[in-house]
Amino acid sequence: MKRNISIYARLAFVVLVIVGSADVATGQSTHYATLSGTAVATDGTPLPAVSITLTGGIEEKTLLAVTNAAGNYYLQQLVPGDYTLTAQLVGFTTATMDLTLIAGQSATANIQMSPG
């Protein structure tokens, strides 16, 4: 009887490990949010190399990204909560916005920056 319990305990552990790592294997999770967007000048020109800072969430973390040549950025596996997004680029005024992310959400936050 003791041996059967040990086998069942091992089997249960293996099942938990497999199920628990399913989100990691697929790269998706309903526990987190993603955020993407495009930074553009007031005339609509995409802005590369914009420093994107996202601060907040339940864990009060700071995450960083930089826009690509098309002005796009992408942040993933964000804990749900309230955030402040800050965009900075030399020659432009700093842009900020507050947003709330929820679990499973794929949010978009486009940024328009003024010269200055």
Protein backbone atom coordinates (compact mmCIF):
# COMPACT_ATOMS: atom_id res chain seq x y z
CA MET A 1 0.00 0.00 0.00
CA LYS A 2 2.82 2.39 0.88
CA ARG A 3 4.44 1.75 -2.48
CA ASN A 4 1.18 2.58 -4.36
CA ILE A 5 0.93 5.95 -2.57
CA SER A 6 4.49 6.75 -3.58
CA ILE A 7 3.76 5.96 -7.23
CA TYR A 8 0.61 8.11 -7.17
CA ALA A 9 2.49 10.96 -5.50
CA ARG A 10 5.17 10.87 -8.19
CA LEU A 11 2.57 10.73 -10.96
CA ALA A 12 0.71 13.71 -9.45
CA PHE A 13 3.96 15.68 -9.25
CA VAL A 14 4.78 15.00 -12.91
CA VAL A 15 1.28 16.08 -13.97
CA LEU A 16 1.58 19.31 -11.95
CA VAL A 17 4.95 20.11 -13.49
CA ILE A 18 3.64 19.53 -17.02
CA VAL A 19 0.47 21.55 -16.49
CA GLY A 20 2.29 24.30 -14.65
CA SER A 21 4.83 24.76 -17.42
CA ALA A 22 2.27 24.84 -20.24
CA ASP A 23 2.14 28.66 -20.19
CA VAL A 24 5.92 28.86 -20.35
CA ALA A 25 6.13 26.40 -23.25
CA THR A 26 3.56 28.25 -25.36
CA GLY A 27 4.77 31.71 -24.38
CA GLN A 28 1.24 32.69 -23.45
CA SER A 29 -0.48 33.19 -20.16
CA THR A 30 -3.84 34.45 -19.04
CA HIS A 31 -2.18 35.63 -15.82
CA TYR A 32 -0.30 38.47 -17.51
CA ALA A 33 -0.92 41.31 -19.95
CA THR A 34 1.03 42.60 -22.93
CA LEU A 35 1.47 46.19 -24.05
CA SER A 36 2.52 47.46 -27.44
CA GLY A 37 2.35 50.69 -29.36
CA THR A 38 3.98 53.14 -31.70
CA ALA A 39 5.74 56.39 -30.89
CA VAL A 40 5.25 59.12 -33.48
CA ALA A 41 6.00 62.82 -33.85
CA THR A 42 3.08 65.26 -34.05
CA ASP A 43 3.29 65.05 -37.87
CA GLY A 44 2.89 61.24 -37.72
CA THR A 45 6.52 60.36 -38.43
CA PRO A 46 7.56 57.18 -36.56
CA LEU A 47 10.18 57.80 -33.89
CA PRO A 48 12.93 55.17 -33.47
CA ALA A 49 15.07 54.93 -30.32
CA VAL A 50 12.42 56.31 -27.94
CA SER A 51 13.07 55.15 -24.37
CA ILE A 52 9.87 53.62 -22.98
CA THR A 53 9.60 53.23 -19.21
CA LEU A 54 6.66 51.41 -17.64
CA THR A 55 6.37 51.73 -13.87
CA GLY A 56 3.80 50.24 -11.51
CA GLY A 57 1.70 47.12 -11.29
CA ILE A 58 1.07 45.14 -8.14
CA GLU A 59 4.81 44.59 -7.72
CA GLU A 60 5.75 48.27 -8.40
CA LYS A 61 8.36 47.26 -10.98
CA THR A 62 10.02 49.35 -13.66
CA LEU A 63 10.30 47.88 -17.15
CA LEU A 64 12.22 49.35 -20.06
CA ALA A 65 11.88 49.14 -23.84
CA VAL A 66 13.20 51.06 -26.85
CA THR A 67 11.23 51.66 -30.03
CA ASN A 68 12.51 50.05 -33.22
CA ALA A 69 13.08 51.76 -36.59
CA ALA A 70 9.31 51.84 -37.20
CA GLY A 71 8.66 53.43 -33.79
CA ASN A 72 7.14 50.25 -32.34
CA TYR A 73 7.67 48.83 -28.84
CA TYR A 74 6.43 45.68 -27.11
CA LEU A 75 6.34 44.65 -23.44
CA GLN A 76 5.11 41.24 -22.31
CA GLN A 77 4.34 39.24 -19.17
CA LEU A 78 3.10 42.32 -17.32
CA VAL A 79 1.48 41.79 -13.95
CA PRO A 80 -2.02 43.30 -13.92
CA GLY A 81 -2.37 46.69 -12.26
CA ASP A 82 -2.03 50.43 -12.67
CA TYR A 83 0.99 51.74 -14.58
CA THR A 84 2.57 54.96 -15.73
CA LEU A 85 4.18 54.91 -19.17
CA THR A 86 6.90 57.48 -19.91
CA ALA A 87 8.41 58.08 -23.36
CA GLN A 88 11.64 60.07 -23.77
CA LEU A 89 13.69 61.08 -26.80
CA VAL A 90 16.26 63.86 -27.12
CA GLY A 91 14.73 66.81 -28.98
CA PHE A 92 11.16 65.95 -27.90
CA THR A 93 9.11 66.70 -24.80
CA THR A 94 8.61 63.77 -22.43
CA ALA A 95 5.23 62.08 -22.86
CA THR A 96 3.46 60.28 -20.02
CA MET A 97 0.21 58.40 -19.67
CA ASP A 98 -1.51 56.35 -16.98
CA LEU A 99 -3.07 53.01 -17.85
CA THR A 100 -4.57 49.96 -16.21
CA LEU A 101 -3.74 46.46 -17.44
CA ILE A 102 -5.80 43.37 -16.69
CA ALA A 103 -4.87 39.70 -16.90
CA GLY A 104 -5.04 38.27 -20.41
CA GLN A 105 -5.20 41.71 -22.02
CA SER A 106 -3.23 42.73 -25.11
CA ALA A 107 -3.29 46.52 -24.74
CA THR A 108 -2.14 49.20 -27.14
CA ALA A 109 -0.76 52.56 -26.03
CA ASN A 110 0.34 54.78 -28.92
CA ILE A 111 2.44 57.82 -28.06
CA GLN A 112 2.53 61.18 -29.83
CA MET A 113 5.56 63.32 -29.00
CA SER A 114 6.04 67.04 -29.60
CA PRO A 115 9.37 68.59 -30.61
CA GLY A 116 10.90 70.62 -27.87
